[in-house]
């Protein structure tokens, strides 16, 4: 495995760990080709959709940069794919620069990971033998998960919440590193 492939895998893993996903139909952007860095094809995300008349779109979105619009994080990149009609016949192809909103998916956080080795207790003639115990408690953040949301908030209390601009800068730095390999 080359260093470019390893770094690409690290970036994809980081994006997955952050729980980032692209949502919405996106808006067309008219960025100059020289201003936007080349998309990193290792980060191509499959995009599919269907129309009310039975037509379909299948393609990929490859991010080239991340920006903010107010407090919203946007991924700008190239959308490529094919459009087909209700019978499945190809109607045309699309290659277009678009900006898509990025959302952070429901996250989990590990609250406790406790491993106890084998235990032997002799309490005045009462003998207790316990084999290895592995206790894992995970909180899930989502709408309606009051305890999960609270425990994740407490777990990450001192981490600091990154702003959309800070997250965009971090993601752009990762894309730049991948583009230099």
Protein backbone atom coordinates (compact mmCIF):
# COMPACT_ATOMS: atom_id res chain seq x y z
CA UNK A 1 0.00 0.00 0.00
CA UNK A 2 1.45 3.36 -1.03
CA UNK A 3 1.61 6.35 1.28
CA UNK A 4 -1.06 8.08 -0.83
CA UNK A 5 -3.43 5.14 -0.36
CA UNK A 6 -2.72 5.04 3.39
CA UNK A 7 -3.36 8.78 3.76
CA UNK A 8 -6.52 8.49 1.69
CA UNK A 9 -7.75 5.71 3.98
CA UNK A 10 -6.92 7.82 7.04
CA UNK A 11 -8.89 10.77 5.62
CA UNK A 12 -11.90 8.60 4.76
CA UNK A 13 -11.75 7.06 8.24
CA UNK A 14 -11.53 10.52 9.81
CA UNK A 15 -14.57 11.72 7.88
CA UNK A 16 -16.45 8.60 8.90
CA UNK A 17 -15.38 9.06 12.52
CA UNK A 18 -16.60 12.63 12.46
CA UNK A 19 -19.86 11.27 11.13
CA UNK A 20 -20.01 13.65 8.20
CA UNK A 21 -22.54 13.04 5.49
CA UNK A 22 -23.65 15.09 2.52
CA UNK A 23 -27.32 16.01 2.40
CA UNK A 24 -29.71 17.92 0.19
CA UNK A 25 -29.84 18.48 -3.52
CA UNK A 26 -27.09 21.08 -3.44
CA UNK A 27 -26.70 24.38 -5.21
CA UNK A 28 -24.72 25.09 -8.33
CA UNK A 29 -21.48 26.96 -7.77
CA UNK A 30 -19.53 28.80 -10.42
CA UNK A 31 -16.03 28.53 -9.02
CA UNK A 32 -13.11 29.23 -11.31
CA UNK A 33 -11.20 26.01 -12.11
CA UNK A 34 -7.88 27.55 -11.04
CA UNK A 35 -9.25 28.66 -7.63
CA UNK A 36 -10.51 25.24 -6.52
CA UNK A 37 -8.01 22.47 -5.80
CA UNK A 38 -8.36 19.24 -7.71
CA UNK A 39 -10.86 16.82 -6.15
CA UNK A 40 -9.38 13.84 -4.31
CA UNK A 41 -11.03 10.85 -5.99
CA UNK A 42 -10.46 8.58 -2.97
CA UNK A 43 -13.16 10.58 -1.16
CA UNK A 44 -15.85 10.13 -3.84
CA UNK A 45 -19.25 9.57 -2.23
CA UNK A 46 -21.98 7.69 -4.10
CA UNK A 47 -25.09 9.79 -4.79
CA UNK A 48 -28.37 8.29 -6.04
CA UNK A 49 -31.88 9.61 -6.43
CA UNK A 50 -35.21 9.04 -8.10
CA UNK A 51 -37.65 11.42 -9.76
CA UNK A 52 -41.44 11.43 -9.39
CA UNK A 53 -41.81 10.21 -13.01
CA UNK A 54 -39.63 7.14 -12.31
CA UNK A 55 -36.38 8.56 -13.66
CA UNK A 56 -33.16 8.09 -11.70
CA UNK A 57 -29.73 9.58 -11.08
CA UNK A 58 -26.63 7.60 -10.12
CA UNK A 59 -23.22 9.13 -9.67
CA UNK A 60 -20.58 10.37 -7.25
CA UNK A 61 -19.71 13.56 -5.40
CA UNK A 62 -16.01 14.30 -4.89
CA UNK A 63 -15.31 17.16 -2.45
CA UNK A 64 -12.60 19.68 -3.34
CA UNK A 65 -13.04 22.20 -0.50
CA UNK A 66 -15.14 22.98 2.55
CA UNK A 67 -16.61 26.41 3.31
CA UNK A 68 -19.12 27.95 5.67
CA UNK A 69 -22.24 29.95 4.99
CA UNK A 70 -23.32 31.47 8.28
CA UNK A 71 -23.10 28.60 10.78
CA UNK A 72 -23.63 25.94 8.10
CA UNK A 73 -20.78 23.78 6.76
CA UNK A 74 -20.75 23.27 2.96
CA UNK A 75 -18.76 20.85 0.82
CA UNK A 76 -17.95 22.13 -2.67
CA UNK A 77 -16.92 19.59 -5.26
CA UNK A 78 -17.70 17.84 -8.52
CA UNK A 79 -20.92 15.89 -9.03
CA UNK A 80 -20.74 13.39 -11.88
CA UNK A 81 -23.26 10.79 -12.92
CA UNK A 82 -25.87 9.61 -15.35
CA UNK A 83 -29.56 10.42 -15.62
CA UNK A 84 -31.94 7.72 -16.81
CA UNK A 85 -35.65 7.71 -17.62
CA UNK A 86 -38.34 5.44 -16.13
CA UNK A 87 -37.42 2.61 -18.53
CA UNK A 88 -33.77 2.73 -17.45
CA UNK A 89 -32.47 4.22 -20.70
CA UNK A 90 -29.71 6.80 -20.25
CA UNK A 91 -30.97 10.32 -20.92
CA UNK A 92 -27.73 12.16 -20.29
CA UNK A 93 -24.69 12.67 -18.11
CA UNK A 94 -23.87 15.33 -15.53
CA UNK A 95 -20.54 16.84 -14.56
CA UNK A 96 -21.08 19.91 -12.43
CA UNK A 97 -19.52 21.81 -9.55
CA UNK A 98 -21.99 21.95 -6.65
CA UNK A 99 -22.05 22.96 -2.98
CA UNK A 100 -23.78 20.53 -0.64
CA UNK A 101 -24.64 21.05 3.04
CA UNK A 102 -22.73 18.75 5.38
CA UNK A 103 -24.40 17.36 8.48
CA UNK A 104 -22.96 15.52 11.43
CA UNK A 105 -24.71 12.17 11.77
CA UNK A 106 -25.86 10.71 15.06
CA UNK A 107 -22.79 9.96 17.13
CA UNK A 108 -21.93 7.59 19.90
CA UNK A 109 -19.47 8.14 22.66
CA UNK A 110 -17.87 5.64 24.94
CA UNK A 111 -18.74 6.41 28.55
CA UNK A 112 -16.97 3.51 30.27
CA UNK A 113 -14.67 0.67 29.22
CA UNK A 114 -13.82 -1.42 32.29
CA UNK A 115 -11.86 -4.67 32.16
CA UNK A 116 -11.49 -6.70 35.36
CA UNK A 117 -9.17 -9.68 35.41
CA UNK A 118 -10.06 -12.98 37.08
CA UNK A 119 -10.95 -12.53 40.74
CA UNK A 120 -10.75 -15.02 43.63
CA UNK A 121 -12.27 -14.03 46.98
CA UNK A 122 -12.24 -16.13 50.14
CA UNK A 123 -14.50 -14.41 52.66
CA UNK A 124 -14.37 -16.48 55.86
CA UNK A 125 -15.22 -19.67 54.05
CA UNK A 126 -17.38 -18.17 51.31
CA UNK A 127 -15.39 -18.52 48.08
CA UNK A 128 -16.22 -16.35 45.09
CA UNK A 129 -14.47 -16.99 41.78
CA UNK A 130 -15.08 -14.58 38.94
CA UNK A 131 -13.58 -14.88 35.47
CA UNK A 132 -12.62 -11.84 33.37
CA UNK A 133 -15.33 -9.16 33.09
CA UNK A 134 -15.42 -6.61 30.26
CA UNK A 135 -18.01 -3.87 30.77
CA UNK A 136 -18.60 -1.37 27.95
CA UNK A 137 -21.14 1.45 28.27
CA UNK A 138 -21.83 3.50 25.14
CA UNK A 139 -24.15 6.51 24.88
CA UNK A 140 -25.97 7.21 21.61
CA UNK A 141 -26.75 10.82 20.66
CA UNK A 142 -30.02 11.29 18.76
CA UNK A 143 -33.34 13.06 19.04
CA UNK A 144 -35.27 11.66 21.99
CA UNK A 145 -32.24 9.97 23.60
CA UNK A 146 -32.18 12.17 26.68
CA UNK A 147 -29.73 10.10 28.72
CA UNK A 148 -27.46 9.39 25.73
CA UNK A 149 -27.33 13.08 24.79
CA UNK A 150 -26.62 14.08 28.39
CA UNK A 151 -23.84 11.51 28.91
CA UNK A 152 -22.16 12.39 25.60
CA UNK A 153 -22.32 16.08 26.50
CA UNK A 154 -20.71 15.36 29.86
CA UNK A 155 -18.10 13.07 28.29
CA UNK A 156 -17.05 15.80 25.84
CA UNK A 157 -17.52 18.72 28.23
CA UNK A 158 -13.89 19.83 28.11
CA UNK A 159 -13.25 18.99 24.43
CA UNK A 160 -14.55 22.29 23.09
CA UNK A 161 -17.07 22.44 20.27
CA UNK A 162 -15.48 23.17 16.89
CA UNK A 163 -17.13 25.92 14.90
CA UNK A 164 -18.20 25.33 11.32
CA UNK A 165 -15.28 27.52 10.18
CA UNK A 166 -12.78 25.54 12.28
CA UNK A 167 -14.13 22.25 10.95
CA UNK A 168 -13.97 23.57 7.35
CA UNK A 169 -10.33 24.61 7.87
CA UNK A 170 -9.44 21.16 9.25
CA UNK A 171 -11.14 19.36 6.36
CA UNK A 172 -9.47 21.67 3.79
CA UNK A 173 -6.07 20.89 5.34
CA UNK A 174 -6.75 17.16 4.96
CA UNK A 175 -7.80 17.64 1.32
CA UNK A 176 -4.63 19.67 0.65
CA UNK A 177 -2.45 16.92 2.12
CA UNK A 178 -4.16 14.31 -0.03
CA UNK A 179 -3.79 16.50 -3.13
CA UNK A 180 0.00 16.78 -2.65
CA UNK A 181 0.63 13.04 -2.68
